[in-house]
Amino acid sequence: MEVSQNVTNALQHHRRSVIRSFRSVLALLVSSSLLAVAHGATSPLLPPGSVTEVVFEERIAVDAVQQRAASAFGRFGPPTVQNSVDVYRLELVTTGLDGAPTVITARLYVPVDPVRERMPLFVFGSGTTGLGDTCAPSREHLLPQPEGDYGSYLPAYAANGIVTILPDYLGFEYPGRPQAYFHAVSEAAVMLDAARAAQALFRENPDVLGLLDGTVIAGGYSQGGHAAFAAADAREIYAPAVTLAGLIGFGASIDVRALLLEGPYYAPYVVTSFAHVYGRDTVDASEILAARWLPTLEQTATSVCVSRAQQVWPFDVDQMYTSEFAAALRGGVLWRDYPAFDALLVANRPGFSGHGLPTLLIQGDQDVIVRNGSQERTVQDLCAAGSPVLYLNIPGARHRDTRPAGFEAAVAYIFDRADGVAPPSSCADW
């Protein structure tokens, strides 16, 4: 995948400007022919993984990385840091639901003068932020309260010499569609195309950005773990040139059926998104959700970001669902009573294709969103499918704590994969 010469020239010019003055922020645009591909638009000229725009945002000094990390790391910080970080906003091409190319936004965190000459690449999927455009991870800095606080968390990886990219999921800034929430096919495309875009930028601009070492790790928090596992399933067919070296999940929400039972206030997001992806004839909200939620479902689900979700919807199975759906969900018989919907949940439980990738799963023993039992079933199924799985269950950690609590383990895991260290496994314990 080639990067436009306009992008290359602009990157080189801009990095020199950054060296002269960290305060300068320059937009780096590609040619007008490439800019014809806008969010939600399509073009036959640009294959998936192409970069259509690069904008330098800022350089974060070493001490500033730690200062910013305070909100994301809390009692689990401060994180170890070694180098400054440059932050870029990218627009890149991925595959839309109709199979045509479409553009998404991503943020790229690049180490400045890292200890290692060649750097691994970490593609990070965000946890649930919401379905509407205002909830997109790339826009969290515009909200009163960041959804996920990724701008405070992810620079810590780059400050340890790991190039890190955070893509928005398909559907953000896509006219007429909400985020394709827990849709494995589109999540996989987004993660793999983010990897291709980052690799293309570094390949064409080594003097500006540095060198990658060829190691690609896919990981993420909650929904992002789902996206990383989806990428592992799809890589061989969709993006065979992206060689994944491993997976990392922080409170990874792999089983959407389990999430509907254990975290019911996510259900309006799931139902609304699936109805858009698969059609309302296949996903009938009135058969799933209690009648009180239906009149404003679409408007609410596409406007309420996740930090407010529990203020709007109940964390209670009986209040969220119809009595029939709640009984089937509790009884484990969705397959019998709601076969069409259950088939979608099964089809969107990724990670068990036999990809064999080494996996680090970080779980908090106080997680009430992805319960210990659900995560342990994921470990068992991954082990049975042939993946060496290192399972870390951290005492006292809640769902959102898994990211900061597992940070040091994740950094070590990434570098071990880069160095060819044999992956550890907890599978013998299962």
Protein backbone atom coordinates (compact mmCIF):
# COMPACT_ATOMS: atom_id res chain seq x y z
CA MET A 1 0.00 0.00 0.00
CA GLU A 2 1.57 3.31 -1.07
CA VAL A 3 1.13 6.64 0.63
CA SER A 4 0.61 9.72 -1.52
CA GLN A 5 3.80 11.70 -2.19
CA ASN A 6 1.87 14.73 -0.95
CA VAL A 7 1.45 13.03 2.42
CA THR A 8 5.13 12.05 2.51
CA ASN A 9 6.34 15.54 1.65
CA ALA A 10 3.98 17.12 4.13
CA LEU A 11 5.02 14.76 6.92
CA GLN A 12 8.70 15.52 6.35
CA HIS A 13 8.12 19.24 6.21
CA HIS A 14 5.93 19.13 9.27
CA ARG A 15 8.30 17.06 11.40
CA ARG A 16 11.04 19.64 10.69
CA SER A 17 8.61 22.35 11.77
CA VAL A 18 7.86 20.43 14.96
CA ILE A 19 11.55 20.23 15.77
CA ARG A 20 11.77 24.03 15.39
CA SER A 21 8.63 24.73 17.38
CA PHE A 22 6.41 22.26 19.22
CA ARG A 23 3.62 24.83 19.18
CA SER A 24 3.12 24.68 15.43
CA VAL A 25 0.19 22.56 14.26
CA LEU A 26 0.03 22.03 10.51
CA ALA A 27 -2.56 20.23 8.44
CA LEU A 28 -1.14 17.62 6.10
CA LEU A 29 -3.48 17.00 3.17
CA VAL A 30 -3.23 14.68 0.22
CA SER A 31 -4.19 15.60 -3.33
CA SER A 32 -7.71 16.69 -4.22
CA SER A 33 -8.30 13.44 -6.10
CA LEU A 34 -7.84 11.48 -2.89
CA LEU A 35 -9.92 13.89 -0.88
CA ALA A 36 -12.89 12.89 -3.04
CA VAL A 37 -13.34 10.06 -0.56
CA ALA A 38 -15.15 11.62 2.39
CA HIS A 39 -16.70 10.00 5.44
CA GLY A 40 -19.48 7.78 4.18
CA ALA A 41 -18.50 8.34 0.54
CA THR A 42 -16.90 5.75 -1.69
CA SER A 43 -14.27 5.70 -4.42
CA PRO A 44 -12.88 2.89 -6.57
CA LEU A 45 -9.46 4.62 -6.57
CA LEU A 46 -8.46 3.88 -3.00
CA PRO A 47 -8.07 0.36 -1.60
CA PRO A 48 -8.60 -0.37 2.09
CA GLY A 49 -5.72 0.76 4.28
CA SER A 50 -5.01 3.87 2.17
CA VAL A 51 -4.30 7.09 4.04
CA THR A 52 -6.28 10.09 2.81
CA GLU A 53 -5.27 12.70 5.38
CA VAL A 54 -2.68 13.22 8.11
CA VAL A 55 -2.84 16.05 10.63
CA PHE A 56 -0.19 16.57 13.27
CA GLU A 57 -1.82 17.54 16.55
CA GLU A 58 0.86 17.89 19.19
CA ARG A 59 4.04 16.65 20.77
CA ILE A 60 3.65 15.45 24.36
CA ALA A 61 6.79 15.74 26.49
CA VAL A 62 7.77 12.87 28.77
CA ASP A 63 6.61 14.54 31.98
CA ALA A 64 3.37 15.64 30.31
CA VAL A 65 2.59 12.02 29.36
CA GLN A 66 2.65 11.10 33.03
CA GLN A 67 0.68 14.17 34.05
CA ARG A 68 -2.07 13.39 31.55
CA ALA A 69 -2.07 9.73 32.49
CA ALA A 70 -3.20 10.55 36.02
CA SER A 71 -6.89 10.56 35.04
CA ALA A 72 -6.71 7.26 33.13
CA PHE A 73 -4.38 5.38 35.50
CA GLY A 74 -5.58 6.59 38.90
CA ARG A 75 -4.33 4.38 41.71
CA PHE A 76 -2.60 2.12 39.18
CA GLY A 77 -0.23 4.84 37.98
CA PRO A 78 1.87 6.63 37.15
CA PRO A 79 2.99 4.61 34.13
CA THR A 80 6.63 4.16 33.21
CA VAL A 81 7.68 6.48 30.38
CA GLN A 82 10.88 6.72 28.33
CA ASN A 83 10.31 9.18 25.48
CA SER A 84 8.11 11.97 24.17
CA VAL A 85 5.14 11.26 21.89
CA ASP A 86 3.87 12.82 18.68
CA VAL A 87 0.11 12.65 18.08
CA TYR A 88 -1.42 12.56 14.60
CA ARG A 89 -5.00 12.37 13.37
CA LEU A 90 -5.43 10.16 10.32
CA GLU A 91 -8.19 9.51 7.88
CA LEU A 92 -7.96 6.12 6.23
CA VAL A 93 -9.98 3.87 3.97
CA THR A 94 -11.77 0.78 5.22
CA THR A 95 -14.57 -1.41 3.87
CA GLY A 96 -18.16 -0.29 4.37
CA LEU A 97 -21.14 -2.49 5.08
CA ASP A 98 -21.95 -2.52 1.37
CA GLY A 99 -18.43 -3.68 0.53
CA ALA A 100 -17.37 -0.32 -0.90
CA PRO A 101 -14.49 1.75 0.47
CA THR A 102 -15.30 4.37 3.08
CA VAL A 103 -13.24 6.65 5.29
CA ILE A 104 -12.78 6.51 9.05
CA THR A 105 -10.75 8.56 11.51
CA ALA A 106 -7.92 7.28 13.70
CA ARG A 107 -5.37 8.70 16.10
CA LEU A 108 -1.74 7.67 15.82
CA TYR A 109 0.70 7.94 18.73
CA VAL A 110 4.34 7.90 17.59
CA PRO A 111 7.36 7.55 19.91
CA VAL A 112 9.94 10.34 19.59
CA ASP A 113 13.55 9.07 19.77
CA PRO A 114 12.60 5.74 21.38
CA VAL A 115 15.13 3.45 23.02
CA ARG A 116 14.67 0.81 20.31
CA GLU A 117 15.52 1.72 16.75
CA ARG A 118 12.64 -0.40 15.43
CA MET A 119 9.23 -0.31 17.06
CA PRO A 120 6.25 -2.67 17.38
CA LEU A 121 2.76 -1.55 16.35
CA PHE A 122 -0.21 -1.81 18.72
CA VAL A 123 -3.67 -1.49 17.11
CA PHE A 124 -6.03 -0.63 19.96
CA GLY A 125 -9.82 -0.97 19.81
CA SER A 126 -11.81 1.30 22.10
CA GLY A 127 -14.41 0.11 24.54
CA THR A 128 -18.05 1.12 24.13
CA THR A 129 -18.39 4.87 23.74
CA GLY A 130 -21.85 5.07 22.15
CA LEU A 131 -23.39 4.85 18.69
CA GLY A 132 -23.63 8.47 17.56
CA ASP A 133 -20.98 10.69 16.01
CA THR A 134 -20.48 12.78 19.14
CA CYS A 135 -19.45 9.62 21.01
CA ALA A 136 -16.67 8.63 18.57
CA PRO A 137 -13.31 7.92 20.24
CA SER A 138 -11.65 10.47 17.94
CA ARG A 139 -13.98 13.17 19.31
CA GLU A 140 -13.71 12.43 23.01
CA HIS A 141 -11.72 15.63 23.60
CA LEU A 142 -14.80 17.62 22.54
CA LEU A 143 -16.98 16.10 25.27
CA PRO A 144 -17.32 17.43 28.84
CA GLN A 145 -16.17 13.99 30.02
CA PRO A 146 -13.99 11.87 27.71
CA GLU A 147 -15.53 8.52 26.84
CA GLY A 148 -12.67 6.16 27.63
CA ASP A 149 -9.99 8.81 28.21
CA TYR A 150 -7.84 7.31 25.45
CA GLY A 151 -5.95 10.57 24.96
CA SER A 152 -4.59 10.12 28.48
CA TYR A 153 -4.12 6.35 28.36
CA LEU A 154 -2.65 5.46 24.96
CA PRO A 155 0.27 7.93 24.89
CA ALA A 156 1.80 5.87 27.70
CA TYR A 157 2.34 3.00 25.23
CA ALA A 158 4.03 5.29 22.73
CA ALA A 159 6.08 6.74 25.59
CA ASN A 160 7.47 3.23 26.00
CA GLY A 161 8.46 2.91 22.35
CA ILE A 162 5.27 1.27 21.01
CA VAL A 163 3.58 2.89 18.01
CA THR A 164 -0.13 2.91 18.86
CA ILE A 165 -3.15 3.57 16.67
CA LEU A 166 -6.77 4.00 17.79
CA PRO A 167 -9.32 3.79 14.94
CA ASP A 168 -12.96 4.81 15.09
CA TYR A 169 -15.34 1.96 14.32
CA LEU A 170 -17.39 1.89 11.15
CA GLY A 171 -20.52 4.03 11.33
CA PHE A 172 -19.14 7.10 13.07
CA GLU A 173 -19.62 10.04 10.67
CA TYR A 174 -21.39 7.68 8.28
CA PRO A 175 -24.59 9.40 7.06
CA GLY A 176 -27.75 7.65 8.19
CA ARG A 177 -26.02 4.88 10.14
CA PRO A 178 -24.97 4.47 13.77
CA GLN A 179 -21.78 2.71 14.76
CA ALA A 180 -21.73 -0.96 13.68
CA TYR A 181 -21.60 -2.01 17.30
CA PHE A 182 -20.21 -5.50 18.03
CA HIS A 183 -20.34 -6.25 14.31
CA ALA A 184 -17.33 -8.53 13.95
CA VAL A 185 -16.82 -8.18 10.19
CA SER A 186 -16.59 -4.40 10.19
CA GLU A 187 -14.58 -4.30 13.42
CA ALA A 188 -12.05 -6.65 11.87
CA ALA A 189 -11.77 -4.48 8.77
CA VAL A 190 -11.27 -1.34 10.85
CA MET A 191 -8.52 -2.89 12.98
CA LEU A 192 -6.68 -4.45 10.05
CA ASP A 193 -6.96 -1.37 7.87
CA ALA A 194 -5.64 0.78 10.72
CA ALA A 195 -2.62 -1.54 10.83
CA ARG A 196 -2.16 -1.28 7.06
CA ALA A 197 -2.43 2.51 7.17
CA ALA A 198 0.15 2.84 9.93
CA GLN A 199 2.52 0.44 8.20
CA ALA A 200 2.17 2.37 4.93
CA LEU A 201 2.93 5.69 6.61
CA PHE A 202 6.04 4.34 8.31
CA ARG A 203 7.20 2.49 5.21
CA GLU A 204 7.04 5.65 3.10
CA ASN A 205 8.35 8.03 5.79
CA PRO A 206 11.12 6.28 7.77
CA ASP A 207 13.18 9.46 8.15
CA VAL A 208 10.20 11.27 9.61
CA LEU A 209 8.44 8.68 11.75
CA GLY A 210 11.07 6.02 12.39
CA LEU A 211 11.03 2.31 11.70
CA LEU A 212 8.58 -0.44 12.56
CA ASP A 213 9.96 -3.87 13.46
CA GLY A 214 7.14 -5.80 11.74
CA THR A 215 5.41 -6.82 14.98
CA VAL A 216 1.67 -6.08 15.03
CA ILE A 217 -0.41 -6.68 18.13
CA ALA A 218 -4.19 -6.25 18.05
CA GLY A 219 -5.81 -5.45 21.36
CA GLY A 220 -8.45 -3.43 23.07
CA TYR A 221 -10.70 -2.76 26.01
CA SER A 222 -14.16 -4.34 26.37
CA GLN A 223 -15.67 -3.95 22.88
CA GLY A 224 -12.12 -3.38 21.65
CA GLY A 225 -11.18 -6.88 22.75
CA HIS A 226 -14.07 -8.12 20.60
CA ALA A 227 -12.65 -6.12 17.67
CA ALA A 228 -9.14 -7.52 18.17
CA PHE A 229 -10.43 -11.09 18.19
CA ALA A 230 -12.46 -10.36 15.06
CA ALA A 231 -9.30 -9.13 13.36
CA ALA A 232 -7.57 -12.41 14.23
CA ASP A 233 -10.35 -14.38 12.55
CA ALA A 234 -10.43 -12.23 9.40
CA ARG A 235 -6.74 -11.47 8.86
CA GLU A 236 -5.85 -14.41 6.65
CA ILE A 237 -8.55 -13.59 4.10
CA TYR A 238 -9.03 -9.83 4.47
CA ALA A 239 -5.47 -8.59 5.08
CA PRO A 240 -2.96 -11.45 4.72
CA ALA A 241 -0.04 -9.00 4.56
CA VAL A 242 -0.75 -7.97 8.17
CA THR A 243 1.02 -10.56 10.27
CA LEU A 244 -0.43 -10.46 13.76
CA ALA A 245 1.96 -11.54 16.50
CA GLY A 246 -0.60 -11.66 19.31
CA LEU A 247 -3.79 -10.38 20.92
CA ILE A 248 -4.47 -8.48 24.14
CA GLY A 249 -7.86 -8.04 25.79
CA PHE A 250 -8.61 -5.77 28.75
CA GLY A 251 -11.96 -6.87 30.17
CA ALA A 252 -12.63 -8.16 26.67
CA SER A 253 -16.33 -8.50 25.87
CA ILE A 254 -16.26 -11.39 23.42
CA ASP A 255 -19.70 -12.94 23.98
CA VAL A 256 -22.50 -10.45 23.19
CA ARG A 257 -25.11 -12.91 24.45
CA ALA A 258 -23.39 -12.90 27.85
CA LEU A 259 -23.19 -9.10 27.77
CA LEU A 260 -26.95 -8.82 27.25
CA LEU A 261 -27.44 -10.83 30.45
CA GLU A 262 -24.65 -9.36 32.57
CA GLY A 263 -24.69 -5.75 31.33
CA PRO A 264 -28.28 -5.16 30.14
CA TYR A 265 -28.02 -1.39 29.69
CA TYR A 266 -25.86 -2.06 26.61
CA ALA A 267 -28.82 -3.83 24.95
CA PRO A 268 -30.36 -0.71 23.34
CA TYR A 269 -27.05 -0.10 21.59
CA VAL A 270 -26.85 -3.70 20.38
CA VAL A 271 -30.46 -3.85 19.19
CA THR A 272 -30.36 -0.46 17.45
CA SER A 273 -27.09 -1.18 15.68
CA PHE A 274 -28.00 -4.73 14.66
CA ALA A 275 -31.32 -3.47 13.25
CA HIS A 276 -29.38 -1.11 11.00
CA VAL A 277 -26.80 -3.71 10.00
CA TYR A 278 -29.11 -6.69 9.48
CA GLY A 279 -32.49 -5.02 8.91
CA ARG A 280 -35.51 -4.49 11.14
CA ASP A 281 -37.19 -7.55 9.68
CA THR A 282 -34.43 -9.64 11.23
CA VAL A 283 -33.97 -7.64 14.43
CA ASP A 284 -37.33 -6.55 15.82
CA ALA A 285 -36.76 -4.36 18.88
CA SER A 286 -40.33 -4.93 20.10
CA GLU A 287 -39.60 -8.64 20.57
CA ILE A 288 -36.54 -7.92 22.70
CA LEU A 289 -36.85 -4.66 24.62
CA ALA A 290 -39.61 -3.72 27.04
CA ALA A 291 -42.28 -1.49 25.51
CA ARG A 292 -41.30 1.56 27.57
CA TRP A 293 -37.98 1.89 25.71
CA LEU A 294 -39.34 1.65 22.16
CA PRO A 295 -40.82 5.13 21.43
CA THR A 296 -37.47 6.92 21.83
CA LEU A 297 -35.11 4.01 21.18
CA GLU A 298 -33.48 5.24 17.96
CA GLN A 299 -33.06 8.82 19.07
CA THR A 300 -31.77 7.91 22.53
CA ALA A 301 -29.43 5.12 21.46
CA THR A 302 -27.77 7.31 18.87
CA SER A 303 -27.38 10.37 21.12
CA VAL A 304 -26.52 9.04 24.57
CA CYS A 305 -22.84 8.24 25.11
CA VAL A 306 -21.92 5.38 27.39
CA SER A 307 -21.05 7.46 30.46
CA ARG A 308 -24.75 8.41 30.64
CA ALA A 309 -26.20 5.06 29.59
CA GLN A 310 -26.86 3.79 33.10
CA GLN A 311 -28.69 7.03 33.90
CA VAL A 312 -31.07 6.34 31.01
CA TRP A 313 -31.47 2.54 30.98
CA PRO A 314 -31.62 0.07 33.86
CA PHE A 315 -28.97 -2.43 34.88
CA ASP A 316 -31.78 -4.91 35.33
CA VAL A 317 -32.78 -7.74 33.00
CA ASP A 318 -36.46 -7.68 33.98
CA GLN A 319 -36.82 -3.94 33.39
CA MET A 320 -34.84 -3.88 30.15
CA TYR A 321 -36.42 -6.76 28.22
CA THR A 322 -39.80 -8.25 27.49
CA SER A 323 -40.64 -10.95 30.01
CA GLU A 324 -40.34 -13.61 27.30
CA PHE A 325 -36.90 -12.47 26.16
CA ALA A 326 -35.65 -12.12 29.74
CA ALA A 327 -36.77 -15.68 30.52
CA ALA A 328 -35.11 -17.08 27.41
CA LEU A 329 -31.89 -15.15 28.10
CA ARG A 330 -31.72 -16.36 31.71
CA GLY A 331 -32.62 -19.89 30.71
CA GLY A 332 -30.00 -20.09 27.98
CA VAL A 333 -32.62 -20.88 25.33
CA LEU A 334 -32.40 -17.91 22.99
CA TRP A 335 -31.43 -20.41 20.31
CA ARG A 336 -34.86 -22.02 20.69
CA ASP A 337 -37.13 -19.01 21.30
CA TYR A 338 -35.33 -16.33 19.26
CA PRO A 339 -33.34 -18.33 16.71
CA ALA A 340 -32.74 -15.54 14.17
CA PHE A 341 -31.44 -13.08 16.74
CA ASP A 342 -29.43 -15.73 18.55
CA ALA A 343 -27.78 -16.72 15.27
CA LEU A 344 -26.51 -13.14 14.94
CA LEU A 345 -25.09 -13.23 18.47
CA VAL A 346 -23.30 -16.49 17.70
CA ALA A 347 -21.98 -15.17 14.38
CA ASN A 348 -20.57 -12.15 16.22
CA ARG A 349 -18.69 -14.11 18.87
CA PRO A 350 -15.20 -13.86 17.36
CA GLY A 351 -11.81 -15.32 18.10
CA PHE A 352 -12.30 -19.05 17.86
CA SER A 353 -11.44 -19.73 14.22
CA GLY A 354 -8.27 -21.59 15.15
CA HIS A 355 -5.97 -18.67 14.35
CA GLY A 356 -3.62 -19.91 17.07
CA LEU A 357 -2.41 -16.45 18.07
CA PRO A 358 -0.90 -16.04 21.53
CA THR A 359 -3.28 -14.07 23.72
CA LEU A 360 -3.08 -12.04 26.90
CA LEU A 361 -6.43 -11.65 28.69
CA ILE A 362 -6.54 -9.19 31.58
CA GLN A 363 -9.58 -9.50 33.81
CA GLY A 364 -10.61 -7.71 36.99
CA ASP A 365 -12.07 -9.89 39.69
CA GLN A 366 -14.56 -7.11 40.54
CA ASP A 367 -15.78 -6.71 36.95
CA VAL A 368 -19.58 -6.61 36.84
CA ILE A 369 -19.79 -5.96 33.06
CA VAL A 370 -17.78 -8.97 31.88
CA ARG A 371 -18.05 -11.42 34.74
CA ASN A 372 -15.26 -13.80 35.73
CA GLY A 373 -17.25 -16.82 34.60
CA SER A 374 -17.78 -15.39 31.12
CA GLN A 375 -14.10 -14.53 30.75
CA GLU A 376 -13.05 -17.95 31.97
CA ARG A 377 -15.24 -19.57 29.31
CA THR A 378 -13.47 -17.41 26.74
CA VAL A 379 -10.11 -18.65 28.04
CA GLN A 380 -11.26 -22.26 27.84
CA ASP A 381 -12.58 -21.86 24.31
CA LEU A 382 -9.44 -20.10 23.12
CA CYS A 383 -7.25 -22.80 24.61
CA ALA A 384 -9.41 -25.48 22.96
CA ALA A 385 -9.04 -23.64 19.62
CA GLY A 386 -5.25 -23.80 19.88
CA SER A 387 -4.18 -20.41 21.26
CA PRO A 388 -1.70 -20.12 24.14
CA VAL A 389 -3.54 -17.85 26.57
CA LEU A 390 -2.00 -15.98 29.48
CA TYR A 391 -4.90 -15.16 31.82
CA LEU A 392 -4.36 -12.51 34.49
CA ASN A 393 -7.20 -11.96 36.95
CA ILE A 394 -6.32 -8.87 38.98
CA PRO A 395 -7.69 -8.67 42.54
CA GLY A 396 -9.74 -5.57 43.29
CA ALA A 397 -9.91 -4.42 39.66
CA ARG A 398 -13.20 -3.35 38.11
CA HIS A 399 -14.05 -3.36 34.42
CA ARG A 400 -12.50 0.03 33.64
CA ASP A 401 -9.51 -0.75 35.85
CA THR A 402 -8.30 -3.53 33.56
CA ARG A 403 -6.54 -1.06 31.25
CA PRO A 404 -4.33 0.72 33.82
CA ALA A 405 -3.97 -2.38 36.02
CA GLY A 406 -2.80 -4.43 33.04
CA PHE A 407 -0.63 -1.78 31.41
CA GLU A 408 2.81 -3.00 32.50
CA ALA A 409 1.89 -6.61 31.66
CA ALA A 410 0.68 -5.51 28.22
CA VAL A 411 3.87 -3.56 27.47
CA ALA A 412 6.00 -6.54 28.47
CA TYR A 413 3.81 -8.87 26.41
CA ILE A 414 4.18 -6.72 23.29
CA PHE A 415 7.96 -6.57 23.55
CA ASP A 416 8.20 -10.29 24.27
CA ARG A 417 6.31 -11.00 21.03
CA ALA A 418 8.60 -8.58 19.20
CA ASP A 419 11.67 -10.37 20.64
CA GLY A 420 10.41 -13.83 19.74
CA VAL A 421 10.02 -14.98 23.34
CA ALA A 422 7.92 -18.14 23.63
CA PRO A 423 4.40 -17.06 24.70
CA PRO A 424 3.36 -18.11 28.21
CA SER A 425 0.13 -20.01 28.66
CA SER A 426 -2.38 -20.63 31.42
CA CYS A 427 -4.14 -23.31 29.35
CA ALA A 428 -2.79 -26.16 31.47
CA ASP A 429 -4.87 -24.74 34.35
CA TRP A 430 -8.10 -25.19 32.36
